[in-house]
């Protein structure tokens, strides 16, 4: 697999919106501003050819992907959603 690195800020924002903004690995940072995802941080710090650049950001079937993506576990239920199991 080839490592993925966004070419523009817009492309990076789209990638983060698709993965990072909904990933369990970065949830604590979104909630508290602390203990963010190391993969996201390393993708900013290192160049794509550096051995420390995250291997999790790669192309899978020609689509930029984060292989470590884990959907965020929601702690709270939306108070506006009707309960269908009353």
PDB file of N, CA and C in Angstrom:
ATOM      1  N   UNK A   1       0.840  -1.186   0.000  1.00  0.00           N
ATOM      2  CA  UNK A   1       0.000   0.000   0.000  1.00  0.00           C
ATOM      3  C   UNK A   1       0.882   1.246   0.000  1.00  0.00           C
ATOM      4  N   UNK A   2       0.401   2.271  -0.677  1.00  0.00           N
ATOM      5  CA  UNK A   2       1.101   3.542  -0.729  1.00  0.00           C
ATOM      6  C   UNK A   2       0.559   4.449   0.374  1.00  0.00           C
ATOM      7  N   UNK A   3       1.452   5.162   1.028  1.00  0.00           N
ATOM      8  CA  UNK A   3       1.029   6.102   2.060  1.00  0.00           C
ATOM      9  C   UNK A   3       0.280   7.259   1.423  1.00  0.00           C
ATOM     10  N   UNK A   4      -0.668   7.798   2.163  1.00  0.00           N
ATOM     11  CA  UNK A   4      -1.472   8.919   1.686  1.00  0.00           C
ATOM     12  C   UNK A   4      -1.094  10.179   2.448  1.00  0.00           C
ATOM     13  N   UNK A   5      -0.952  11.265   1.731  1.00  0.00           N
ATOM     14  CA  UNK A   5      -0.771  12.593   2.341  1.00  0.00           C
ATOM     15  C   UNK A   5      -1.587  13.576   1.516  1.00  0.00           C
ATOM     16  N   UNK A   6      -2.485  14.323   2.168  1.00  0.00           N
ATOM     17  CA  UNK A   6      -3.278  15.310   1.435  1.00  0.00           C
ATOM     18  C   UNK A   6      -2.377  16.323   0.741  1.00  0.00           C
ATOM     19  N   UNK A   7      -2.738  16.695  -0.471  1.00  0.00           N
ATOM     20  CA  UNK A   7      -1.943  17.651  -1.238  1.00  0.00           C
ATOM     21  C   UNK A   7      -2.287  19.098  -0.912  1.00  0.00           C
ATOM     22  N   UNK A   8      -3.515  19.346  -0.464  1.00  0.00           N
ATOM     23  CA  UNK A   8      -3.948  20.701  -0.149  1.00  0.00           C
ATOM     24  C   UNK A   8      -4.660  20.704   1.199  1.00  0.00           C
ATOM     25  N   UNK A   9      -4.849  21.879   1.747  1.00  0.00           N
ATOM     26  CA  UNK A   9      -5.582  21.990   3.013  1.00  0.00           C
ATOM     27  C   UNK A   9      -7.034  21.549   2.848  1.00  0.00           C
ATOM     28  N   UNK A  10      -7.608  21.849   1.702  1.00  0.00           N
ATOM     29  CA  UNK A  10      -8.994  21.443   1.445  1.00  0.00           C
ATOM     30  C   UNK A  10      -9.102  19.926   1.424  1.00  0.00           C
ATOM     31  N   UNK A  11      -8.168  19.279   0.748  1.00  0.00           N
ATOM     32  CA  UNK A  11      -8.159  17.818   0.700  1.00  0.00           C
ATOM     33  C   UNK A  11      -7.951  17.244   2.102  1.00  0.00           C
ATOM     34  N   UNK A  12      -7.070  17.861   2.884  1.00  0.00           N
ATOM     35  CA  UNK A  12      -6.839  17.417   4.261  1.00  0.00           C
ATOM     36  C   UNK A  12      -8.063  17.595   5.129  1.00  0.00           C
ATOM     37  N   UNK A  13      -8.754  18.726   4.962  1.00  0.00           N
ATOM     38  CA  UNK A  13      -9.989  18.969   5.714  1.00  0.00           C
ATOM     39  C   UNK A  13     -11.056  17.940   5.365  1.00  0.00           C
ATOM     40  N   UNK A  14     -11.189  17.616   4.089  1.00  0.00           N
ATOM     41  CA  UNK A  14     -12.164  16.607   3.660  1.00  0.00           C
ATOM     42  C   UNK A  14     -11.842  15.242   4.265  1.00  0.00           C
ATOM     43  N   UNK A  15     -10.556  14.889   4.250  1.00  0.00           N
ATOM     44  CA  UNK A  15     -10.128  13.600   4.810  1.00  0.00           C
ATOM     45  C   UNK A  15     -10.426  13.547   6.312  1.00  0.00           C
ATOM     46  N   UNK A  16     -10.063  14.617   7.032  1.00  0.00           N
ATOM     47  CA  UNK A  16     -10.307  14.657   8.476  1.00  0.00           C
ATOM     48  C   UNK A  16     -11.792  14.664   8.797  1.00  0.00           C
ATOM     49  N   UNK A  17     -12.577  15.340   7.973  1.00  0.00           N
ATOM     50  CA  UNK A  17     -14.024  15.348   8.180  1.00  0.00           C
ATOM     51  C   UNK A  17     -14.605  13.949   8.011  1.00  0.00           C
ATOM     52  N   UNK A  18     -14.068  13.200   7.050  1.00  0.00           N
ATOM     53  CA  UNK A  18     -14.552  11.851   6.791  1.00  0.00           C
ATOM     54  C   UNK A  18     -14.124  10.880   7.882  1.00  0.00           C
ATOM     55  N   UNK A  19     -12.907  11.016   8.372  1.00  0.00           N
ATOM     56  CA  UNK A  19     -12.375  10.045   9.337  1.00  0.00           C
ATOM     57  C   UNK A  19     -12.175  10.637  10.734  1.00  0.00           C
ATOM     58  N   UNK A  20     -11.248  11.546  10.889  1.00  0.00           N
ATOM     59  CA  UNK A  20     -10.812  12.027  12.200  1.00  0.00           C
ATOM     60  C   UNK A  20     -11.951  12.619  13.032  1.00  0.00           C
ATOM     61  N   UNK A  21     -12.858  13.353  12.392  1.00  0.00           N
ATOM     62  CA  UNK A  21     -13.940  14.018  13.120  1.00  0.00           C
ATOM     63  C   UNK A  21     -14.962  13.046  13.709  1.00  0.00           C
ATOM     64  N   UNK A  22     -14.874  11.767  13.335  1.00  0.00           N
ATOM     65  CA  UNK A  22     -15.829  10.771  13.824  1.00  0.00           C
ATOM     66  C   UNK A  22     -15.118   9.557  14.425  1.00  0.00           C
ATOM     67  N   UNK A  23     -13.820   9.701  14.684  1.00  0.00           N
ATOM     68  CA  UNK A  23     -13.025   8.556  15.116  1.00  0.00           C
ATOM     69  C   UNK A  23     -12.852   8.538  16.636  1.00  0.00           C
ATOM     70  N   UNK A  24     -12.940   7.372  17.191  1.00  0.00           N
ATOM     71  CA  UNK A  24     -12.763   7.171  18.627  1.00  0.00           C
ATOM     72  C   UNK A  24     -11.370   7.604  19.082  1.00  0.00           C
ATOM     73  N   UNK A  25     -10.362   7.447  18.234  1.00  0.00           N
ATOM     74  CA  UNK A  25      -8.980   7.783  18.602  1.00  0.00           C
ATOM     75  C   UNK A  25      -8.784   9.272  18.885  1.00  0.00           C
ATOM     76  N   UNK A  26      -9.632  10.130  18.339  1.00  0.00           N
ATOM     77  CA  UNK A  26      -9.471  11.573  18.530  1.00  0.00           C
ATOM     78  C   UNK A  26     -10.618  12.176  19.347  1.00  0.00           C
ATOM     79  N   UNK A  27     -11.491  11.329  19.881  1.00  0.00           N
ATOM     80  CA  UNK A  27     -12.668  11.802  20.629  1.00  0.00           C
ATOM     81  C   UNK A  27     -12.274  12.644  21.843  1.00  0.00           C
ATOM     82  N   UNK A  28     -11.316  12.172  22.633  1.00  0.00           N
ATOM     83  CA  UNK A  28     -10.932  12.898  23.840  1.00  0.00           C
ATOM     84  C   UNK A  28     -10.416  14.302  23.501  1.00  0.00           C
ATOM     85  N   UNK A  29      -9.670  14.423  22.420  1.00  0.00           N
ATOM     86  CA  UNK A  29      -9.180  15.741  22.016  1.00  0.00           C
ATOM     87  C   UNK A  29     -10.332  16.663  21.640  1.00  0.00           C
ATOM     88  N   UNK A  30     -11.314  16.138  20.920  1.00  0.00           N
ATOM     89  CA  UNK A  30     -12.466  16.963  20.535  1.00  0.00           C
ATOM     90  C   UNK A  30     -13.248  17.425  21.758  1.00  0.00           C
ATOM     91  N   UNK A  31     -13.289  16.578  22.802  1.00  0.00           N
ATOM     92  CA  UNK A  31     -14.072  16.907  23.995  1.00  0.00           C
ATOM     93  C   UNK A  31     -13.302  17.768  24.998  1.00  0.00           C
ATOM     94  N   UNK A  32     -11.982  17.551  25.125  1.00  0.00           N
ATOM     95  CA  UNK A  32     -11.219  18.213  26.182  1.00  0.00           C
ATOM     96  C   UNK A  32     -10.044  19.042  25.683  1.00  0.00           C
ATOM     97  N   UNK A  33      -9.641  18.846  24.429  1.00  0.00           N
ATOM     98  CA  UNK A  33      -8.464  19.531  23.919  1.00  0.00           C
ATOM     99  C   UNK A  33      -7.161  18.864  24.328  1.00  0.00           C
ATOM    100  N   UNK A  34      -7.236  17.660  24.871  1.00  0.00           N
ATOM    101  CA  UNK A  34      -6.045  16.932  25.316  1.00  0.00           C
ATOM    102  C   UNK A  34      -6.046  15.513  24.760  1.00  0.00           C
ATOM    103  N   UNK A  35      -4.854  14.920  24.696  1.00  0.00           N
ATOM    104  CA  UNK A  35      -4.674  13.520  24.278  1.00  0.00           C
ATOM    105  C   UNK A  35      -5.284  13.226  22.914  1.00  0.00           C
ATOM    106  N   UNK A  36      -4.828  13.945  21.913  1.00  0.00           N
ATOM    107  CA  UNK A  36      -5.316  13.739  20.554  1.00  0.00           C
ATOM    108  C   UNK A  36      -4.739  12.487  19.919  1.00  0.00           C
ATOM    109  N   UNK A  37      -5.199  12.199  18.738  1.00  0.00           N
ATOM    110  CA  UNK A  37      -4.765  11.027  17.978  1.00  0.00           C
ATOM    111  C   UNK A  37      -3.311  11.205  17.515  1.00  0.00           C
ATOM    112  N   UNK A  38      -2.464  10.256  17.859  1.00  0.00           N
ATOM    113  CA  UNK A  38      -1.054  10.301  17.455  1.00  0.00           C
ATOM    114  C   UNK A  38      -0.907  10.197  15.938  1.00  0.00           C
ATOM    115  N   UNK A  39      -1.790   9.460  15.307  1.00  0.00           N
ATOM    116  CA  UNK A  39      -1.724   9.294  13.853  1.00  0.00           C
ATOM    117  C   UNK A  39      -1.940  10.640  13.171  1.00  0.00           C
ATOM    118  N   UNK A  40      -2.950  11.361  13.608  1.00  0.00           N
ATOM    119  CA  UNK A  40      -3.238  12.679  13.046  1.00  0.00           C
ATOM    120  C   UNK A  40      -2.073  13.639  13.301  1.00  0.00           C
ATOM    121  N   UNK A  41      -1.563  13.641  14.516  1.00  0.00           N
ATOM    122  CA  UNK A  41      -0.434  14.520  14.853  1.00  0.00           C
ATOM    123  C   UNK A  41       0.798  14.175  14.020  1.00  0.00           C
ATOM    124  N   UNK A  42       1.111  12.888  13.892  1.00  0.00           N
ATOM    125  CA  UNK A  42       2.291  12.473  13.124  1.00  0.00           C
ATOM    126  C   UNK A  42       2.152  12.796  11.641  1.00  0.00           C
ATOM    127  N   UNK A  43       0.926  12.795  11.139  1.00  0.00           N
ATOM    128  CA  UNK A  43       0.727  13.116   9.722  1.00  0.00           C
ATOM    129  C   UNK A  43       1.044  14.587   9.447  1.00  0.00           C
ATOM    130  N   UNK A  44       0.942  15.408  10.468  1.00  0.00           N
ATOM    131  CA  UNK A  44       1.252  16.826  10.330  1.00  0.00           C
ATOM    132  C   UNK A  44       2.742  17.080  10.532  1.00  0.00           C
ATOM    133  N   UNK A  45       3.330  16.361  11.476  1.00  0.00           N
ATOM    134  CA  UNK A  45       4.731  16.585  11.854  1.00  0.00           C
ATOM    135  C   UNK A  45       5.719  16.033  10.826  1.00  0.00           C
ATOM    136  N   UNK A  46       5.454  14.819  10.327  1.00  0.00           N
ATOM    137  CA  UNK A  46       6.425  14.125   9.474  1.00  0.00           C
ATOM    138  C   UNK A  46       6.077  14.222   7.998  1.00  0.00           C
ATOM    139  N   UNK A  47       7.085  14.115   7.173  1.00  0.00           N
ATOM    140  CA  UNK A  47       6.907  14.053   5.723  1.00  0.00           C
ATOM    141  C   UNK A  47       6.507  12.636   5.337  1.00  0.00           C
ATOM    142  N   UNK A  48       5.828  12.494   4.216  1.00  0.00           N
ATOM    143  CA  UNK A  48       5.272  11.200   3.810  1.00  0.00           C
ATOM    144  C   UNK A  48       6.347  10.121   3.650  1.00  0.00           C
ATOM    145  N   UNK A  49       7.574  10.502   3.304  1.00  0.00           N
ATOM    146  CA  UNK A  49       8.638   9.502   3.123  1.00  0.00           C
ATOM    147  C   UNK A  49       9.417   9.217   4.403  1.00  0.00           C
ATOM    148  N   UNK A  50       9.100   9.922   5.479  1.00  0.00           N
ATOM    149  CA  UNK A  50       9.738   9.672   6.770  1.00  0.00           C
ATOM    150  C   UNK A  50       9.211   8.350   7.325  1.00  0.00           C
ATOM    151  N   UNK A  51      10.067   7.593   7.963  1.00  0.00           N
ATOM    152  CA  UNK A  51       9.633   6.293   8.496  1.00  0.00           C
ATOM    153  C   UNK A  51       8.611   6.444   9.622  1.00  0.00           C
ATOM    154  N   UNK A  52       8.542   7.622  10.250  1.00  0.00           N
ATOM    155  CA  UNK A  52       7.579   7.851  11.324  1.00  0.00           C
ATOM    156  C   UNK A  52       6.227   8.372  10.817  1.00  0.00           C
ATOM    157  N   UNK A  53       6.135   8.654   9.507  1.00  0.00           N
ATOM    158  CA  UNK A  53       4.840   9.067   8.951  1.00  0.00           C
ATOM    159  C   UNK A  53       3.876   7.895   9.097  1.00  0.00           C
ATOM    160  N   UNK A  54       2.647   8.132   9.532  1.00  0.00           N
ATOM    161  CA  UNK A  54       1.723   7.025   9.825  1.00  0.00           C
ATOM    162  C   UNK A  54       1.406   6.147   8.613  1.00  0.00           C
ATOM    163  N   UNK A  55       1.611   4.862   8.796  1.00  0.00           N
ATOM    164  CA  UNK A  55       1.292   3.892   7.736  1.00  0.00           C
ATOM    165  C   UNK A  55      -0.216   3.696   7.627  1.00  0.00           C
ATOM    166  N   UNK A  56      -0.953   4.128   8.654  1.00  0.00           N
ATOM    167  CA  UNK A  56      -2.410   3.976   8.657  1.00  0.00           C
ATOM    168  C   UNK A  56      -3.088   4.864   7.612  1.00  0.00           C
ATOM    169  N   UNK A  57      -2.432   5.954   7.241  1.00  0.00           N
ATOM    170  CA  UNK A  57      -2.968   6.818   6.184  1.00  0.00           C
ATOM    171  C   UNK A  57      -2.415   6.298   4.868  1.00  0.00           C
ATOM    172  N   UNK A  58      -3.262   5.640   4.116  1.00  0.00           N
ATOM    173  CA  UNK A  58      -2.800   5.005   2.883  1.00  0.00           C
ATOM    174  C   UNK A  58      -3.925   4.975   1.848  1.00  0.00           C
ATOM    175  N   UNK A  59      -3.567   4.518   0.666  1.00  0.00           N
ATOM    176  CA  UNK A  59      -4.552   4.315  -0.397  1.00  0.00           C
ATOM    177  C   UNK A  59      -5.012   2.870  -0.344  1.00  0.00           C
ATOM    178  N   UNK A  60      -6.307   2.688  -0.321  1.00  0.00           N
ATOM    179  CA  UNK A  60      -6.896   1.350  -0.364  1.00  0.00           C
ATOM    180  C   UNK A  60      -7.858   1.357  -1.536  1.00  0.00           C
ATOM    181  N   UNK A  61      -7.537   0.572  -2.560  1.00  0.00           N
ATOM    182  CA  UNK A  61      -8.307   0.582  -3.813  1.00  0.00           C
ATOM    183  C   UNK A  61      -8.377   1.994  -4.390  1.00  0.00           C
ATOM    184  N   UNK A  62      -7.259   2.687  -4.355  1.00  0.00           N
ATOM    185  CA  UNK A  62      -7.088   4.035  -4.881  1.00  0.00           C
ATOM    186  C   UNK A  62      -7.860   5.113  -4.119  1.00  0.00           C
ATOM    187  N   UNK A  63      -8.393   4.774  -2.948  1.00  0.00           N
ATOM    188  CA  UNK A  63      -9.142   5.722  -2.136  1.00  0.00           C
ATOM    189  C   UNK A  63      -8.340   6.028  -0.871  1.00  0.00           C
ATOM    190  N   UNK A  64      -8.101   7.309  -0.576  1.00  0.00           N
ATOM    191  CA  UNK A  64      -7.398   7.648   0.669  1.00  0.00           C
ATOM    192  C   UNK A  64      -8.183   7.141   1.878  1.00  0.00           C
ATOM    193  N   UNK A  65      -7.500   6.428   2.773  1.00  0.00           N
ATOM    194  CA  UNK A  65      -8.146   5.746   3.881  1.00  0.00           C
ATOM    195  C   UNK A  65      -7.289   5.836   5.133  1.00  0.00           C
ATOM    196  N   UNK A  66      -7.914   5.810   6.286  1.00  0.00           N
ATOM    197  CA  UNK A  66      -7.205   5.613   7.548  1.00  0.00           C
ATOM    198  C   UNK A  66      -7.585   4.227   8.048  1.00  0.00           C
ATOM    199  N   UNK A  67      -6.626   3.324   8.061  1.00  0.00           N
ATOM    200  CA  UNK A  67      -6.916   1.936   8.438  1.00  0.00           C
ATOM    201  C   UNK A  67      -7.156   1.781   9.938  1.00  0.00           C
ATOM    202  N   UNK A  68      -6.846   2.810  10.733  1.00  0.00           N
ATOM    203  CA  UNK A  68      -7.064   2.747  12.181  1.00  0.00           C
ATOM    204  C   UNK A  68      -8.421   3.338  12.573  1.00  0.00           C
ATOM    205  N   UNK A  69      -9.174   3.827  11.591  1.00  0.00           N
ATOM    206  CA  UNK A  69     -10.450   4.478  11.885  1.00  0.00           C
ATOM    207  C   UNK A  69     -11.375   3.541  12.653  1.00  0.00           C
ATOM    208  N   UNK A  70     -11.885   4.053  13.772  1.00  0.00           N
ATOM    209  CA  UNK A  70     -12.871   3.341  14.586  1.00  0.00           C
ATOM    210  C   UNK A  70     -13.983   4.334  14.887  1.00  0.00           C
ATOM    211  N   UNK A  71     -15.181   4.011  14.469  1.00  0.00           N
ATOM    212  CA  UNK A  71     -16.303   4.934  14.657  1.00  0.00           C
ATOM    213  C   UNK A  71     -16.445   5.290  16.131  1.00  0.00           C
ATOM    214  N   UNK A  72     -16.605   6.563  16.381  1.00  0.00           N
ATOM    215  CA  UNK A  72     -16.734   7.074  17.751  1.00  0.00           C
ATOM    216  C   UNK A  72     -17.931   6.442  18.444  1.00  0.00           C
ATOM    217  N   UNK A  73     -17.720   6.053  19.687  1.00  0.00           N
ATOM    218  CA  UNK A  73     -18.809   5.496  20.490  1.00  0.00           C
ATOM    219  C   UNK A  73     -19.552   6.660  21.123  1.00  0.00           C
ATOM    220  N   UNK A  74     -20.809   6.757  20.827  1.00  0.00           N
ATOM    221  CA  UNK A  74     -21.604   7.855  21.370  1.00  0.00           C
ATOM    222  C   UNK A  74     -21.940   7.548  22.830  1.00  0.00           C
ATOM    223  N   UNK A  75     -21.671   8.515  23.699  1.00  0.00           N
ATOM    224  CA  UNK A  75     -21.956   8.342  25.119  1.00  0.00           C
ATOM    225  C   UNK A  75     -23.394   8.695  25.451  1.00  0.00           C
ATOM    226  N   UNK A  76     -23.938   9.638  24.703  1.00  0.00           N
ATOM    227  CA  UNK A  76     -25.241  10.163  25.050  1.00  0.00           C
ATOM    228  C   UNK A  76     -26.219   9.979  23.902  1.00  0.00           C
ATOM    229  N   UNK A  77     -27.428   9.783  24.245  1.00  0.00           N
ATOM    230  CA  UNK A  77     -28.491   9.644  23.262  1.00  0.00           C
ATOM    231  C   UNK A  77     -29.087  11.009  22.999  1.00  0.00           C
ATOM    232  N   UNK A  78     -29.404  11.284  21.754  1.00  0.00           N
ATOM    233  CA  UNK A  78     -30.007  12.559  21.378  1.00  0.00           C
ATOM    234  C   UNK A  78     -31.370  12.690  22.056  1.00  0.00           C
ATOM    235  N   UNK A  79     -31.594  13.803  22.765  1.00  0.00           N
ATOM    236  CA  UNK A  79     -32.862  13.996  23.473  1.00  0.00           C
ATOM    237  C   UNK A  79     -34.003  14.378  22.541  1.00  0.00           C
ATOM    238  N   UNK A  80     -33.689  14.566  21.260  1.00  0.00           N
ATOM    239  CA  UNK A  80     -34.734  14.924  20.292  1.00  0.00           C
ATOM    240  C   UNK A  80     -35.214  13.724  19.484  1.00  0.00           C
ATOM    241  N   UNK A  81     -34.586  12.581  19.686  1.00  0.00           N
ATOM    242  CA  UNK A  81     -34.961  11.380  18.954  1.00  0.00           C
ATOM    243  C   UNK A  81     -36.097  10.679  19.691  1.00  0.00           C
ATOM    244  N   UNK A  82     -37.110  10.300  18.947  1.00  0.00           N
ATOM    245  CA  UNK A  82     -38.256   9.597  19.532  1.00  0.00           C
ATOM    246  C   UNK A  82     -37.809   8.192  19.894  1.00  0.00           C
ATOM    247  N   UNK A  83     -38.177   7.747  21.075  1.00  0.00           N
ATOM    248  CA  UNK A  83     -37.832   6.400  21.520  1.00  0.00           C
ATOM    249  C   UNK A  83     -38.842   5.414  20.937  1.00  0.00           C
ATOM    250  N   UNK A  84     -38.364   4.499  20.098  1.00  0.00           N
ATOM    251  CA  UNK A  84     -39.273   3.534  19.474  1.00  0.00           C
ATOM    252  C   UNK A  84     -39.463   2.285  20.330  1.00  0.00           C
ATOM    253  N   UNK A  85     -38.781   2.225  21.479  1.00  0.00           N
ATOM    254  CA  UNK A  85     -38.859   1.045  22.330  1.00  0.00           C
ATOM    255  C   UNK A  85     -39.520   1.345  23.691  1.00  0.00           C
ATOM    256  N   UNK A  86     -40.529   2.203  23.698  1.00  0.00           N
ATOM    257  CA  UNK A  86     -41.225   2.519  24.956  1.00  0.00           C
ATOM    258  C   UNK A  86     -42.003   1.347  25.460  1.00  0.00           C
TER     259      UNK A  86
END
